C-alpha cells in the first residue's frame, strides 16, 4: 500500500468549503488543504487552523476569482476583481512582460499574507491550475525557493491508470480530457526545469467527482498519490458571497457533499 495525500482545494472561498475541510480533517482522511489568501472567508479559515496544527496548508495561488491583493488594471476590473480566464492568462504570459511582473507581485503578496497569519506553507498549487502555465510556473518556482516551499503541484496523472480506477467516461462531457491534455503537456515542459517528484496525481480527469470506491482503490495501490478534492456543505453556502455564477454553481453542486461523504466513509478510513 502506498501513501496518499488528500488535498482539499479552495480553502477560504466559502463558509461551506471551510466547514467541509475541517470536518474532513477531523473525522476523515483529508491530510492537506490549499488556502486562497485573497478569499472573503480567509480569516475564518485561519481561525479554524489554530485548533488543527497537523493539517498541512499550502497556498492556492489565484488569478481568476475574487479580489486581487495587487490592484492594477492588467488583470483587474475597475472594482479590483480578477477578470481573466485561463486562456487569457496564457496569452498574456507569452507576450506581455509587464503582466509577468505584476503576477509575481500578486503571488508574493498572496504568499506573504498567509505567512503573516502565522501559517507554515507546505506546498503550492493554484485555482484553475494557472500556476502550470510555463511562464507562470517559472515565477512560482522562484518564489518556492525564496520562501523554502518544497513541493509545487505537477499533474503527474496517468490516463490509463485513472480510467481503470474510476471506470467512468464522465470526463468527456465535463471537458476533463481537454484539460488533462493541456495540463499534462505543461507539466512535462515544467519538469525540464526542476526534478520531478515521485508522486502520482489523481482527479484532473475526474475533478469534483472522486467517489468512495475510487478512494478505496487509491489507498490499496502500491503507488503514492496526491488526490485533489473540492468538498463542501451546500446549506452553509446558500447565503455566501460569490463573484461569478460558474463558481457558485460549482460550490453548490451535490458533488461537493459527495466528495465530503467519501472522505468520511468508514470503509475508506
Protein backbone atom coordinates (compact mmCIF):
# COMPACT_ATOMS: atom_id res chain seq x y z
CA UNK A 1 0.00 0.00 0.00
CA UNK A 2 1.35 3.41 -0.99
CA UNK A 3 0.96 6.71 0.78
CA UNK A 4 -1.68 9.24 -0.17
CA UNK A 5 -2.09 12.98 0.16
CA UNK A 6 -5.73 14.01 0.16
CA UNK A 7 -5.68 17.71 -0.67
CA UNK A 8 -8.82 19.83 -0.41
CA UNK A 9 -8.62 22.89 -2.66
CA UNK A 10 -10.39 26.29 -2.38
CA UNK A 11 -9.95 26.66 1.39
CA UNK A 12 -11.22 30.08 2.42
CA UNK A 13 -13.54 30.57 -0.55
CA UNK A 14 -16.84 29.97 1.30
CA UNK A 15 -18.12 29.01 4.78
CA UNK A 16 -19.28 25.64 3.46
CA UNK A 17 -15.86 24.93 1.98
CA UNK A 18 -14.16 25.73 5.28
CA UNK A 19 -16.57 23.62 7.34
CA UNK A 20 -16.26 20.66 4.97
CA UNK A 21 -12.46 20.73 5.02
CA UNK A 22 -12.37 20.91 8.81
CA UNK A 23 -14.85 18.05 9.07
CA UNK A 24 -12.90 16.00 6.54
CA UNK A 25 -9.70 16.52 8.53
CA UNK A 26 -11.25 15.99 11.98
CA UNK A 27 -13.25 12.88 11.09
CA UNK A 28 -11.98 11.72 7.69
CA UNK A 29 -8.85 11.32 5.60
CA UNK A 30 -8.10 14.88 4.43
CA UNK A 31 -4.40 15.46 5.10
CA UNK A 32 -3.72 18.71 3.24
CA UNK A 33 -5.57 21.80 2.10
CA UNK A 34 -4.76 24.78 -0.12
CA UNK A 35 -5.87 28.21 1.05
CA UNK A 36 -6.88 31.18 -1.11
CA UNK A 37 -5.33 34.15 0.65
CA UNK A 38 -7.44 36.71 -1.23
CA UNK A 39 -10.72 34.95 -0.42
CA UNK A 40 -13.52 36.54 1.60
CA UNK A 41 -13.51 33.77 4.21
CA UNK A 42 -9.72 33.60 4.65
CA UNK A 43 -9.80 34.88 8.25
CA UNK A 44 -12.45 32.32 9.18
CA UNK A 45 -10.25 29.59 7.72
CA UNK A 46 -7.18 30.81 9.62
CA UNK A 47 -9.13 30.86 12.89
CA UNK A 48 -10.10 27.22 12.41
CA UNK A 49 -6.50 26.23 11.71
CA UNK A 50 -5.45 27.28 15.21
CA UNK A 51 -7.11 24.13 16.56
CA UNK A 52 -5.68 21.91 13.82
CA UNK A 53 -1.91 22.16 13.88
CA UNK A 54 -1.46 18.90 11.94
CA UNK A 55 -3.45 19.99 8.89
CA UNK A 56 -0.87 20.75 6.20
CA UNK A 57 -1.61 24.04 4.45
CA UNK A 58 -0.49 25.17 1.02
CA UNK A 59 -1.09 28.35 -0.95
CA UNK A 60 -3.80 28.16 -3.61
CA UNK A 61 -2.44 30.86 -5.93
CA UNK A 62 -5.21 32.73 -7.67
CA UNK A 63 -5.56 35.00 -10.71
CA UNK A 64 -9.13 34.20 -11.75
CA UNK A 65 -11.53 34.66 -8.83
CA UNK A 66 -12.32 37.42 -6.37
CA UNK A 67 -10.33 40.47 -5.31
CA UNK A 68 -6.68 40.92 -6.19
CA UNK A 69 -4.18 41.88 -3.50
CA UNK A 70 -2.03 43.74 -6.04
CA UNK A 71 -4.51 46.17 -7.56
CA UNK A 72 -3.76 47.03 -11.20
CA UNK A 73 -5.60 47.12 -14.48
CA UNK A 74 -3.58 44.36 -16.18
CA UNK A 75 -5.72 41.59 -14.72
CA UNK A 76 -8.34 43.50 -12.65
CA UNK A 77 -11.52 45.36 -13.47
CA UNK A 78 -12.44 48.77 -12.01
CA UNK A 79 -13.58 47.13 -8.78
CA UNK A 80 -10.25 45.36 -8.27
CA UNK A 81 -11.66 41.95 -9.23
CA UNK A 82 -9.78 39.44 -11.35
CA UNK A 83 -11.23 39.49 -14.86
CA UNK A 84 -9.14 36.99 -16.83
CA UNK A 85 -9.70 33.33 -17.60
CA UNK A 86 -7.11 30.59 -18.11
CA UNK A 87 -6.59 31.16 -21.85
CA UNK A 88 -6.29 34.94 -21.48
CA UNK A 89 -3.66 34.42 -18.78
CA UNK A 90 -1.79 32.01 -21.05
CA UNK A 91 -1.73 34.51 -23.93
CA UNK A 92 -0.67 37.45 -21.74
CA UNK A 93 2.09 35.37 -20.16
CA UNK A 94 3.60 34.81 -23.60
CA UNK A 95 3.52 38.38 -24.92
CA UNK A 96 3.29 40.84 -22.02
CA UNK A 97 6.37 41.30 -19.80
CA UNK A 98 4.55 43.78 -17.56
CA UNK A 99 1.90 41.14 -16.93
CA UNK A 100 4.55 38.70 -15.68
CA UNK A 101 5.99 41.34 -13.34
CA UNK A 102 2.58 42.11 -11.85
CA UNK A 103 1.73 38.42 -11.46
CA UNK A 104 4.93 37.90 -9.48
CA UNK A 105 3.93 40.79 -7.18
CA UNK A 106 0.44 39.31 -6.77
CA UNK A 107 1.72 35.85 -5.96
CA UNK A 108 4.25 37.14 -3.47
CA UNK A 109 1.55 39.17 -1.71
CA UNK A 110 -0.64 36.06 -1.53
CA UNK A 111 2.20 34.03 -0.03
CA UNK A 112 3.15 36.77 2.42
CA UNK A 113 -0.47 37.17 3.53
CA UNK A 114 -0.54 33.52 4.58
CA UNK A 115 2.83 33.64 6.31
CA UNK A 116 1.85 36.82 8.15
CA UNK A 117 -1.16 34.95 9.51
CA UNK A 118 1.25 32.55 11.22
CA UNK A 119 0.75 29.64 8.80
CA UNK A 120 3.60 27.42 7.61
CA UNK A 121 3.19 26.80 3.89
CA UNK A 122 3.87 23.18 2.93
CA UNK A 123 3.11 23.31 -0.80
CA UNK A 124 1.96 25.41 -3.74
CA UNK A 125 -0.85 24.85 -6.24
CA UNK A 126 -3.40 27.17 -7.81
CA UNK A 127 -7.01 27.91 -8.64
CA UNK A 128 -7.83 26.64 -12.14
CA UNK A 129 -4.24 25.29 -12.31
CA UNK A 130 -2.92 28.57 -13.69
CA UNK A 131 0.47 28.00 -12.00
CA UNK A 132 1.18 25.26 -14.55
CA UNK A 133 1.32 27.74 -17.45
CA UNK A 134 5.08 27.56 -18.19
CA UNK A 135 5.86 31.30 -17.91
CA UNK A 136 3.82 31.44 -14.70
CA UNK A 137 5.48 28.28 -13.41
CA UNK A 138 8.87 29.99 -13.63
CA UNK A 139 7.60 32.65 -11.22
CA UNK A 140 6.23 30.03 -8.85
CA UNK A 141 9.49 28.09 -8.73
CA UNK A 142 11.43 31.26 -7.93
CA UNK A 143 9.02 32.06 -5.10
CA UNK A 144 9.09 28.49 -3.79
CA UNK A 145 12.87 28.73 -3.47
CA UNK A 146 12.71 32.17 -1.84
CA UNK A 147 10.19 31.03 0.77
CA UNK A 148 11.56 27.48 1.16
CA UNK A 149 8.38 25.75 -0.02
CA UNK A 150 9.44 22.28 -1.09
CA UNK A 151 6.52 20.95 -3.17
CA UNK A 152 4.86 22.56 -6.18
CA UNK A 153 1.96 20.64 -7.69
CA UNK A 154 2.53 18.92 -11.03
CA UNK A 155 -0.11 16.95 -12.91
CA UNK A 156 1.63 13.58 -12.97
CA UNK A 157 -1.60 11.79 -13.82
CA UNK A 158 -1.69 8.67 -15.99
CA UNK A 159 -4.71 8.47 -18.29
CA UNK A 160 -4.96 4.65 -18.37
CA UNK A 161 -4.37 4.44 -14.63
CA UNK A 162 -7.14 6.94 -13.81
CA UNK A 163 -9.56 5.39 -16.28
CA UNK A 164 -9.03 1.89 -14.87
CA UNK A 165 -9.57 3.17 -11.31
CA UNK A 166 -12.69 5.26 -11.96
CA UNK A 167 -14.19 3.06 -14.69
CA UNK A 168 -16.18 6.02 -15.98
CA UNK A 169 -16.30 8.28 -19.03
CA UNK A 170 -17.69 11.24 -17.09
CA UNK A 171 -14.63 13.27 -18.07
CA UNK A 172 -15.94 13.53 -21.67
CA UNK A 173 -18.98 15.78 -21.07
CA UNK A 174 -17.26 17.87 -18.36
CA UNK A 175 -14.24 18.77 -20.52
CA UNK A 176 -11.82 16.81 -18.38
CA UNK A 177 -10.00 15.27 -21.34
CA UNK A 178 -9.06 18.61 -22.92
CA UNK A 179 -7.94 19.95 -19.54
CA UNK A 180 -5.94 16.77 -18.91
CA UNK A 181 -4.07 17.00 -22.23
CA UNK A 182 -3.26 20.69 -21.75
CA UNK A 183 -2.09 20.43 -18.14
CA UNK A 184 -0.19 17.22 -18.76
CA UNK A 185 1.67 18.92 -21.60
CA UNK A 186 2.50 21.90 -19.42
CA UNK A 187 3.68 19.61 -16.62
CA UNK A 188 6.07 17.85 -19.00
CA UNK A 189 7.50 21.20 -20.04
CA UNK A 190 7.86 22.26 -16.43
CA UNK A 191 9.64 19.08 -15.32
CA UNK A 192 12.51 20.08 -17.61
CA UNK A 193 13.18 22.92 -15.17
CA UNK A 194 13.00 21.03 -11.88
CA UNK A 195 13.44 17.49 -10.64
CA UNK A 196 10.00 15.82 -10.69
CA UNK A 197 8.83 14.15 -7.50
CA UNK A 198 7.65 10.55 -7.39
CA UNK A 199 4.01 11.26 -6.66
CA UNK A 200 1.12 10.32 -8.92
CA UNK A 201 -1.79 12.71 -9.28
CA UNK A 202 -5.48 11.89 -9.41
CA UNK A 203 -8.52 13.93 -10.43
CA UNK A 204 -7.76 16.21 -13.33
CA UNK A 205 -9.93 13.87 -15.41
CA UNK A 206 -12.43 13.42 -12.61
CA UNK A 207 -12.31 16.83 -10.93
CA UNK A 208 -15.05 17.11 -8.34
CA UNK A 209 -16.16 13.51 -8.83
CA UNK A 210 -13.95 11.44 -6.52
CA UNK A 211 -16.13 8.65 -5.13
CA UNK A 212 -15.52 6.44 -2.11
CA UNK A 213 -14.73 3.39 -4.28
CA UNK A 214 -12.03 5.46 -6.00
CA UNK A 215 -10.51 6.32 -2.63
CA UNK A 216 -10.54 2.65 -1.66
CA UNK A 217 -8.65 1.69 -4.84
CA UNK A 218 -6.14 4.51 -4.48
CA UNK A 219 -5.44 3.63 -0.85
CA UNK A 220 -4.87 0.00 -1.81
CA UNK A 221 -2.48 0.91 -4.65
CA UNK A 222 1.28 0.38 -4.39
CA UNK A 223 1.85 3.93 -5.67
CA UNK A 224 1.95 7.23 -3.81
CA UNK A 225 -0.81 9.66 -4.84
CA UNK A 226 -1.92 13.23 -4.41
CA UNK A 227 -5.71 13.23 -4.66
CA UNK A 228 -7.33 16.60 -5.31
CA UNK A 229 -10.84 17.14 -3.97
CA UNK A 230 -13.26 20.06 -3.55
CA UNK A 231 -15.58 19.18 -0.64
CA UNK A 232 -18.35 21.47 0.54
CA UNK A 233 -21.52 21.79 2.61
CA UNK A 234 -24.29 23.28 0.48
CA UNK A 235 -26.55 24.64 3.24
CA UNK A 236 -23.65 26.64 4.68
CA UNK A 237 -23.08 28.33 1.30
CA UNK A 238 -26.61 29.32 0.34
CA UNK A 239 -26.01 32.87 1.59
CA UNK A 240 -22.30 33.02 0.74
CA UNK A 241 -20.83 35.75 -1.44
CA UNK A 242 -19.85 34.67 -4.96
CA UNK A 243 -18.23 36.68 -7.75
CA UNK A 244 -19.50 34.67 -10.72
CA UNK A 245 -22.21 32.16 -11.49
CA UNK A 246 -19.91 29.34 -12.59
CA UNK A 247 -18.11 29.25 -9.23
CA UNK A 248 -21.45 29.47 -7.42
CA UNK A 249 -22.85 26.53 -9.39
CA UNK A 250 -19.71 24.51 -8.71
CA UNK A 251 -19.67 25.16 -4.98
CA UNK A 252 -23.41 24.43 -4.65
CA UNK A 253 -23.20 21.18 -6.63
CA UNK A 254 -24.17 17.98 -4.84
CA UNK A 255 -20.78 16.62 -5.89
CA UNK A 256 -19.20 18.79 -3.16
CA UNK A 257 -21.08 16.88 -0.46
CA UNK A 258 -20.48 13.55 -2.21
CA UNK A 259 -16.72 14.10 -2.02
CA UNK A 260 -17.04 15.02 1.65
CA UNK A 261 -19.05 11.87 2.31
CA UNK A 262 -16.34 9.84 0.56
CA UNK A 263 -13.52 11.08 2.80
CA UNK A 264 -15.69 10.44 5.87
CA UNK A 265 -16.73 6.92 4.85
CA UNK A 266 -15.69 4.24 7.37
CA UNK A 267 -14.53 1.82 4.66
CA UNK A 268 -12.31 4.49 3.15
CA UNK A 269 -10.90 5.41 6.57
